[in-house]
Amino acid sequence: MIFKKSGPPEWLLVCLGNYGKQYENTRHNIGFMAAERLIDKRDLRCNRLRFRALTEVIEFGGANVLLMMPQTYMNLSG
């Protein structure tokens, strides 16, 4: 079950991609697409900007997970 959760995260899930229209639906955004699928299926939003990334704490598999979508280009994120 995946839903929005409060409390400190136990895990960190960083979904890499490149922001911008030119990268939408490309292999460069597979991490972003995976994150969006996780949150869209549960009608959540990942729109809090922290650490130069869009973030949300969700429950996934019984654990609190900090989901991050860095807002820097993939080559700068790692």
PDB file of N, CA and C in Angstrom:
ATOM      1  N   MET A   1       0.843  -1.167   0.000  1.00  0.00           N
ATOM      2  CA  MET A   1       0.000   0.000   0.000  1.00  0.00           C
ATOM      3  C   MET A   1       0.893   1.237   0.000  1.00  0.00           C
ATOM      4  N   ILE A   2       0.552   2.198  -0.811  1.00  0.00           N
ATOM      5  CA  ILE A   2       1.309   3.441  -0.895  1.00  0.00           C
ATOM      6  C   ILE A   2       0.366   4.588  -0.571  1.00  0.00           C
ATOM      7  N   PHE A   3       0.728   5.393   0.398  1.00  0.00           N
ATOM      8  CA  PHE A   3      -0.045   6.588   0.688  1.00  0.00           C
ATOM      9  C   PHE A   3       0.837   7.586   1.406  1.00  0.00           C
ATOM     10  N   LYS A   4       0.367   8.809   1.485  1.00  0.00           N
ATOM     11  CA  LYS A   4       1.132   9.869   2.153  1.00  0.00           C
ATOM     12  C   LYS A   4       1.271   9.531   3.627  1.00  0.00           C
ATOM     13  N   LYS A   5       2.450   9.735   4.145  1.00  0.00           N
ATOM     14  CA  LYS A   5       2.737   9.361   5.518  1.00  0.00           C
ATOM     15  C   LYS A   5       3.493  10.480   6.206  1.00  0.00           C
ATOM     16  N   SER A   6       3.201  10.702   7.465  1.00  0.00           N
ATOM     17  CA  SER A   6       3.970  11.678   8.236  1.00  0.00           C
ATOM     18  C   SER A   6       4.947  10.920   9.126  1.00  0.00           C
ATOM     19  N   GLY A   7       5.913  11.635   9.624  1.00  0.00           N
ATOM     20  CA  GLY A   7       6.921  11.016  10.465  1.00  0.00           C
ATOM     21  C   GLY A   7       8.246  10.926   9.730  1.00  0.00           C
ATOM     22  N   PRO A   8       9.294  10.593  10.456  1.00  0.00           N
ATOM     23  CA  PRO A   8      10.621  10.549   9.837  1.00  0.00           C
ATOM     24  C   PRO A   8      10.747   9.380   8.864  1.00  0.00           C
ATOM     25  N   PRO A   9      11.420   9.593   7.739  1.00  0.00           N
ATOM     26  CA  PRO A   9      11.591   8.506   6.772  1.00  0.00           C
ATOM     27  C   PRO A   9      12.633   7.498   7.240  1.00  0.00           C
ATOM     28  N   GLU A  10      12.400   6.239   6.874  1.00  0.00           N
ATOM     29  CA  GLU A  10      13.344   5.169   7.160  1.00  0.00           C
ATOM     30  C   GLU A  10      14.193   4.853   5.929  1.00  0.00           C
ATOM     31  N   TRP A  11      13.669   5.178   4.760  1.00  0.00           N
ATOM     32  CA  TRP A  11      14.335   4.898   3.493  1.00  0.00           C
ATOM     33  C   TRP A  11      14.317   6.153   2.629  1.00  0.00           C
ATOM     34  N   LEU A  12      15.237   6.188   1.684  1.00  0.00           N
ATOM     35  CA  LEU A  12      15.312   7.278   0.715  1.00  0.00           C
ATOM     36  C   LEU A  12      15.249   6.672  -0.675  1.00  0.00           C
ATOM     37  N   LEU A  13      14.300   7.116  -1.484  1.00  0.00           N
ATOM     38  CA  LEU A  13      14.175   6.664  -2.870  1.00  0.00           C
ATOM     39  C   LEU A  13      14.376   7.877  -3.766  1.00  0.00           C
ATOM     40  N   VAL A  14      15.525   7.941  -4.442  1.00  0.00           N
ATOM     41  CA  VAL A  14      15.849   9.055  -5.326  1.00  0.00           C
ATOM     42  C   VAL A  14      15.590   8.605  -6.756  1.00  0.00           C
ATOM     43  N   CYS A  15      14.653   9.249  -7.412  1.00  0.00           N
ATOM     44  CA  CYS A  15      14.261   8.916  -8.785  1.00  0.00           C
ATOM     45  C   CYS A  15      14.863   9.961  -9.716  1.00  0.00           C
ATOM     46  N   LEU A  16      15.894   9.563 -10.448  1.00  0.00           N
ATOM     47  CA  LEU A  16      16.622  10.508 -11.292  1.00  0.00           C
ATOM     48  C   LEU A  16      15.908  10.777 -12.602  1.00  0.00           C
ATOM     49  N   GLY A  17      16.118  11.955 -13.123  1.00  0.00           N
ATOM     50  CA  GLY A  17      15.566  12.361 -14.409  1.00  0.00           C
ATOM     51  C   GLY A  17      16.040  13.762 -14.729  1.00  0.00           C
ATOM     52  N   ASN A  18      15.634  14.240 -15.869  1.00  0.00           N
ATOM     53  CA  ASN A  18      15.926  15.613 -16.273  1.00  0.00           C
ATOM     54  C   ASN A  18      14.610  16.363 -16.357  1.00  0.00           C
ATOM     55  N   TYR A  19      14.561  17.547 -15.790  1.00  0.00           N
ATOM     56  CA  TYR A  19      13.332  18.331 -15.836  1.00  0.00           C
ATOM     57  C   TYR A  19      13.279  19.113 -17.143  1.00  0.00           C
ATOM     58  N   GLY A  20      12.089  19.476 -17.532  1.00  0.00           N
ATOM     59  CA  GLY A  20      11.899  20.255 -18.754  1.00  0.00           C
ATOM     60  C   GLY A  20      11.119  19.478 -19.802  1.00  0.00           C
ATOM     61  N   LYS A  21      10.385  20.219 -20.612  1.00  0.00           N
ATOM     62  CA  LYS A  21       9.521  19.622 -21.640  1.00  0.00           C
ATOM     63  C   LYS A  21      10.287  18.748 -22.629  1.00  0.00           C
ATOM     64  N   GLN A  22      11.529  19.122 -22.957  1.00  0.00           N
ATOM     65  CA  GLN A  22      12.269  18.381 -23.969  1.00  0.00           C
ATOM     66  C   GLN A  22      12.622  16.960 -23.515  1.00  0.00           C
ATOM     67  N   TYR A  23      12.538  16.672 -22.205  1.00  0.00           N
ATOM     68  CA  TYR A  23      12.879  15.345 -21.694  1.00  0.00           C
ATOM     69  C   TYR A  23      11.661  14.510 -21.313  1.00  0.00           C
ATOM     70  N   GLU A  24      10.452  15.086 -21.401  1.00  0.00           N
ATOM     71  CA  GLU A  24       9.251  14.335 -21.042  1.00  0.00           C
ATOM     72  C   GLU A  24       9.131  13.095 -21.915  1.00  0.00           C
ATOM     73  N   ASN A  25       8.772  11.972 -21.280  1.00  0.00           N
ATOM     74  CA  ASN A  25       8.552  10.694 -21.966  1.00  0.00           C
ATOM     75  C   ASN A  25       9.765  10.217 -22.752  1.00  0.00           C
ATOM     76  N   THR A  26      10.959  10.473 -22.232  1.00  0.00           N
ATOM     77  CA  THR A  26      12.181   9.954 -22.845  1.00  0.00           C
ATOM     78  C   THR A  26      12.895   9.060 -21.835  1.00  0.00           C
ATOM     79  N   ARG A  27      13.862   8.296 -22.318  1.00  0.00           N
ATOM     80  CA  ARG A  27      14.621   7.407 -21.434  1.00  0.00           C
ATOM     81  C   ARG A  27      15.379   8.192 -20.366  1.00  0.00           C
ATOM     82  N   HIS A  28      15.610   9.465 -20.625  1.00  0.00           N
ATOM     83  CA  HIS A  28      16.309  10.302 -19.656  1.00  0.00           C
ATOM     84  C   HIS A  28      15.457  10.567 -18.417  1.00  0.00           C
ATOM     85  N   ASN A  29      14.187  10.251 -18.482  1.00  0.00           N
ATOM     86  CA  ASN A  29      13.267  10.528 -17.376  1.00  0.00           C
ATOM     87  C   ASN A  29      12.640   9.278 -16.783  1.00  0.00           C
ATOM     88  N   ILE A  30      13.244   8.129 -16.976  1.00  0.00           N
ATOM     89  CA  ILE A  30      12.635   6.897 -16.480  1.00  0.00           C
ATOM     90  C   ILE A  30      12.439   6.927 -14.961  1.00  0.00           C
ATOM     91  N   GLY A  31      13.365   7.539 -14.242  1.00  0.00           N
ATOM     92  CA  GLY A  31      13.216   7.649 -12.785  1.00  0.00           C
ATOM     93  C   GLY A  31      12.034   8.517 -12.395  1.00  0.00           C
ATOM     94  N   PHE A  32      11.876   9.650 -13.080  1.00  0.00           N
ATOM     95  CA  PHE A  32      10.734  10.527 -12.817  1.00  0.00           C
ATOM     96  C   PHE A  32       9.422   9.817 -13.159  1.00  0.00           C
ATOM     97  N   MET A  33       9.410   9.077 -14.267  1.00  0.00           N
ATOM     98  CA  MET A  33       8.184   8.379 -14.664  1.00  0.00           C
ATOM     99  C   MET A  33       7.799   7.327 -13.629  1.00  0.00           C
ATOM    100  N   ALA A  34       8.784   6.623 -13.070  1.00  0.00           N
ATOM    101  CA  ALA A  34       8.504   5.627 -12.031  1.00  0.00           C
ATOM    102  C   ALA A  34       7.936   6.299 -10.781  1.00  0.00           C
ATOM    103  N   ALA A  35       8.523   7.418 -10.374  1.00  0.00           N
ATOM    104  CA  ALA A  35       8.034   8.146  -9.197  1.00  0.00           C
ATOM    105  C   ALA A  35       6.617   8.654  -9.427  1.00  0.00           C
ATOM    106  N   GLU A  36       6.369   9.216 -10.603  1.00  0.00           N
ATOM    107  CA  GLU A  36       5.038   9.734 -10.907  1.00  0.00           C
ATOM    108  C   GLU A  36       4.005   8.624 -10.916  1.00  0.00           C
ATOM    109  N   ARG A  37       4.383   7.463 -11.380  1.00  0.00           N
ATOM    110  CA  ARG A  37       3.443   6.337 -11.368  1.00  0.00           C
ATOM    111  C   ARG A  37       3.113   5.932  -9.932  1.00  0.00           C
ATOM    112  N   LEU A  38       4.119   5.914  -9.073  1.00  0.00           N
ATOM    113  CA  LEU A  38       3.883   5.584  -7.661  1.00  0.00           C
ATOM    114  C   LEU A  38       2.917   6.565  -7.007  1.00  0.00           C
ATOM    115  N   ILE A  39       3.122   7.858  -7.227  1.00  0.00           N
ATOM    116  CA  ILE A  39       2.293   8.842  -6.529  1.00  0.00           C
ATOM    117  C   ILE A  39       0.947   9.071  -7.210  1.00  0.00           C
ATOM    118  N   ASP A  40       0.891   8.980  -8.543  1.00  0.00           N
ATOM    119  CA  ASP A  40      -0.373   9.203  -9.246  1.00  0.00           C
ATOM    120  C   ASP A  40      -1.394   8.115  -8.946  1.00  0.00           C
ATOM    121  N   LYS A  41      -0.938   6.887  -8.781  1.00  0.00           N
ATOM    122  CA  LYS A  41      -1.865   5.787  -8.501  1.00  0.00           C
ATOM    123  C   LYS A  41      -2.591   5.977  -7.178  1.00  0.00           C
ATOM    124  N   ARG A  42      -2.018   6.773  -6.294  1.00  0.00           N
ATOM    125  CA  ARG A  42      -2.619   6.994  -4.981  1.00  0.00           C
ATOM    126  C   ARG A  42      -3.091   8.425  -4.797  1.00  0.00           C
ATOM    127  N   ASP A  43      -3.155   9.182  -5.880  1.00  0.00           N
ATOM    128  CA  ASP A  43      -3.633  10.565  -5.847  1.00  0.00           C
ATOM    129  C   ASP A  43      -2.842  11.421  -4.854  1.00  0.00           C
ATOM    130  N   LEU A  44      -1.525  11.250  -4.852  1.00  0.00           N
ATOM    131  CA  LEU A  44      -0.633  12.046  -4.014  1.00  0.00           C
ATOM    132  C   LEU A  44       0.017  13.126  -4.853  1.00  0.00           C
ATOM    133  N   ARG A  45       0.736  14.015  -4.208  1.00  0.00           N
ATOM    134  CA  ARG A  45       1.480  15.071  -4.904  1.00  0.00           C
ATOM    135  C   ARG A  45       2.906  15.071  -4.376  1.00  0.00           C
ATOM    136  N   CYS A  46       3.837  15.212  -5.265  1.00  0.00           N
ATOM    137  CA  CYS A  46       5.245  15.331  -4.885  1.00  0.00           C
ATOM    138  C   CYS A  46       5.668  16.730  -5.305  1.00  0.00           C
ATOM    139  N   ASN A  47       5.284  17.726  -4.498  1.00  0.00           N
ATOM    140  CA  ASN A  47       5.528  19.105  -4.920  1.00  0.00           C
ATOM    141  C   ASN A  47       6.209  19.960  -3.854  1.00  0.00           C
ATOM    142  N   ARG A  48       6.707  19.345  -2.812  1.00  0.00           N
ATOM    143  CA  ARG A  48       7.445  20.097  -1.791  1.00  0.00           C
ATOM    144  C   ARG A  48       8.907  20.161  -2.218  1.00  0.00           C
ATOM    145  N   LEU A  49       9.442  21.357  -2.341  1.00  0.00           N
ATOM    146  CA  LEU A  49      10.820  21.532  -2.793  1.00  0.00           C
ATOM    147  C   LEU A  49      11.752  21.606  -1.584  1.00  0.00           C
ATOM    148  N   ARG A  50      12.611  20.594  -1.464  1.00  0.00           N
ATOM    149  CA  ARG A  50      13.644  20.547  -0.422  1.00  0.00           C
ATOM    150  C   ARG A  50      14.895  19.939  -1.034  1.00  0.00           C
ATOM    151  N   PHE A  51      16.039  20.419  -0.628  1.00  0.00           N
ATOM    152  CA  PHE A  51      17.318  19.870  -1.098  1.00  0.00           C
ATOM    153  C   PHE A  51      17.428  19.908  -2.622  1.00  0.00           C
ATOM    154  N   ARG A  52      16.855  20.932  -3.268  1.00  0.00           N
ATOM    155  CA  ARG A  52      16.815  21.050  -4.729  1.00  0.00           C
ATOM    156  C   ARG A  52      16.143  19.840  -5.381  1.00  0.00           C
ATOM    157  N   ALA A  53      15.113  19.318  -4.699  1.00  0.00           N
ATOM    158  CA  ALA A  53      14.367  18.169  -5.208  1.00  0.00           C
ATOM    159  C   ALA A  53      12.908  18.292  -4.783  1.00  0.00           C
ATOM    160  N   LEU A  54      12.008  17.770  -5.613  1.00  0.00           N
ATOM    161  CA  LEU A  54      10.612  17.631  -5.213  1.00  0.00           C
ATOM    162  C   LEU A  54      10.552  16.421  -4.298  1.00  0.00           C
ATOM    163  N   THR A  55       9.883  16.550  -3.155  1.00  0.00           N
ATOM    164  CA  THR A  55       9.898  15.476  -2.170  1.00  0.00           C
ATOM    165  C   THR A  55       8.503  15.192  -1.628  1.00  0.00           C
ATOM    166  N   GLU A  56       8.348  13.986  -1.126  1.00  0.00           N
ATOM    167  CA  GLU A  56       7.144  13.586  -0.405  1.00  0.00           C
ATOM    168  C   GLU A  56       7.501  12.366   0.433  1.00  0.00           C
ATOM    169  N   VAL A  57       6.984  12.294   1.641  1.00  0.00           N
ATOM    170  CA  VAL A  57       7.149  11.104   2.468  1.00  0.00           C
ATOM    171  C   VAL A  57       5.920  10.235   2.248  1.00  0.00           C
ATOM    172  N   ILE A  58       6.146   8.992   1.837  1.00  0.00           N
ATOM    173  CA  ILE A  58       5.061   8.051   1.582  1.00  0.00           C
ATOM    174  C   ILE A  58       5.297   6.791   2.405  1.00  0.00           C
ATOM    175  N   GLU A  59       4.263   6.002   2.567  1.00  0.00           N
ATOM    176  CA  GLU A  59       4.438   4.679   3.153  1.00  0.00           C
ATOM    177  C   GLU A  59       4.498   3.694   2.006  1.00  0.00           C
ATOM    178  N   PHE A  60       5.497   2.852   2.032  1.00  0.00           N
ATOM    179  CA  PHE A  60       5.680   1.850   0.981  1.00  0.00           C
ATOM    180  C   PHE A  60       6.179   0.580   1.652  1.00  0.00           C
ATOM    181  N   GLY A  61       5.404  -0.476   1.563  1.00  0.00           N
ATOM    182  CA  GLY A  61       5.797  -1.737   2.186  1.00  0.00           C
ATOM    183  C   GLY A  61       5.910  -1.656   3.696  1.00  0.00           C
ATOM    184  N   GLY A  62       5.120  -0.789   4.311  1.00  0.00           N
ATOM    185  CA  GLY A  62       5.128  -0.654   5.759  1.00  0.00           C
ATOM    186  C   GLY A  62       6.192   0.276   6.313  1.00  0.00           C
ATOM    187  N   ALA A  63       7.002   0.871   5.437  1.00  0.00           N
ATOM    188  CA  ALA A  63       8.071   1.771   5.883  1.00  0.00           C
ATOM    189  C   ALA A  63       7.818   3.181   5.368  1.00  0.00           C
ATOM    190  N   ASN A  64       8.248   4.175   6.132  1.00  0.00           N
ATOM    191  CA  ASN A  64       8.213   5.559   5.664  1.00  0.00           C
ATOM    192  C   ASN A  64       9.365   5.766   4.690  1.00  0.00           C
ATOM    193  N   VAL A  65       9.053   6.270   3.517  1.00  0.00           N
ATOM    194  CA  VAL A  65      10.045   6.453   2.458  1.00  0.00           C
ATOM    195  C   VAL A  65      10.014   7.909   2.009  1.00  0.00           C
ATOM    196  N   LEU A  66      11.173   8.549   1.976  1.00  0.00           N
ATOM    197  CA  LEU A  66      11.285   9.891   1.415  1.00  0.00           C
ATOM    198  C   LEU A  66      11.535   9.733  -0.077  1.00  0.00           C
ATOM    199  N   LEU A  67      10.557  10.092  -0.874  1.00  0.00           N
ATOM    200  CA  LEU A  67      10.646  10.040  -2.327  1.00  0.00           C
ATOM    201  C   LEU A  67      11.191  11.376  -2.805  1.00  0.00           C
ATOM    202  N   MET A  68      12.255  11.330  -3.611  1.00  0.00           N
ATOM    203  CA  MET A  68      12.890  12.560  -4.098  1.00  0.00           C
ATOM    204  C   MET A  68      13.011  12.530  -5.612  1.00  0.00           C
ATOM    205  N   MET A  69      12.688  13.664  -6.228  1.00  0.00           N
ATOM    206  CA  MET A  69      12.872  13.859  -7.662  1.00  0.00           C
ATOM    207  C   MET A  69      13.756  15.097  -7.826  1.00  0.00           C
ATOM    208  N   PRO A  70      15.090  14.915  -7.931  1.00  0.00           N
ATOM    209  CA  PRO A  70      16.001  16.058  -8.014  1.00  0.00           C
ATOM    210  C   PRO A  70      15.646  16.984  -9.170  1.00  0.00           C
ATOM    211  N   GLN A  71      15.743  18.279  -8.925  1.00  0.00           N
ATOM    212  CA  GLN A  71      15.438  19.280  -9.943  1.00  0.00           C
ATOM    213  C   GLN A  71      16.713  19.861 -10.538  1.00  0.00           C
ATOM    214  N   THR A  72      17.735  19.018 -10.618  1.00  0.00           N
ATOM    215  CA  THR A  72      18.965  19.339 -11.337  1.00  0.00           C
ATOM    216  C   THR A  72      19.090  18.308 -12.449  1.00  0.00           C
ATOM    217  N   TYR A  73      19.879  18.578 -13.451  1.00  0.00           N
ATOM    218  CA  TYR A  73      20.039  17.613 -14.533  1.00  0.00           C
ATOM    219  C   TYR A  73      20.700  16.349 -14.011  1.00  0.00           C
ATOM    220  N   MET A  74      20.358  15.205 -14.612  1.00  0.00           N
ATOM    221  CA  MET A  74      20.815  13.911 -14.144  1.00  0.00           C
ATOM    222  C   MET A  74      22.334  13.861 -13.974  1.00  0.00           C
ATOM    223  N   ASN A  75      23.076  14.439 -14.887  1.00  0.00           N
ATOM    224  CA  ASN A  75      24.535  14.411 -14.787  1.00  0.00           C
ATOM    225  C   ASN A  75      25.035  15.153 -13.555  1.00  0.00           C
ATOM    226  N   LEU A  76      24.241  16.074 -13.030  1.00  0.00           N
ATOM    227  CA  LEU A  76      24.620  16.802 -11.823  1.00  0.00           C
ATOM    228  C   LEU A  76      24.130  16.107 -10.555  1.00  0.00           C
ATOM    229  N   SER A  77      23.170  15.167 -10.707  1.00  0.00           N
ATOM    230  CA  SER A  77      22.588  14.478  -9.557  1.00  0.00           C
ATOM    231  C   SER A  77      23.347  13.218  -9.187  1.00  0.00           C
ATOM    232  N   GLY A  78      24.063  12.654 -10.100  1.00  0.00           N
ATOM    233  CA  GLY A  78      24.790  11.434  -9.789  1.00  0.00           C
ATOM    234  C   GLY A  78      24.658  10.450 -10.874  1.00  0.00           C
TER     235      GLY A  78
END
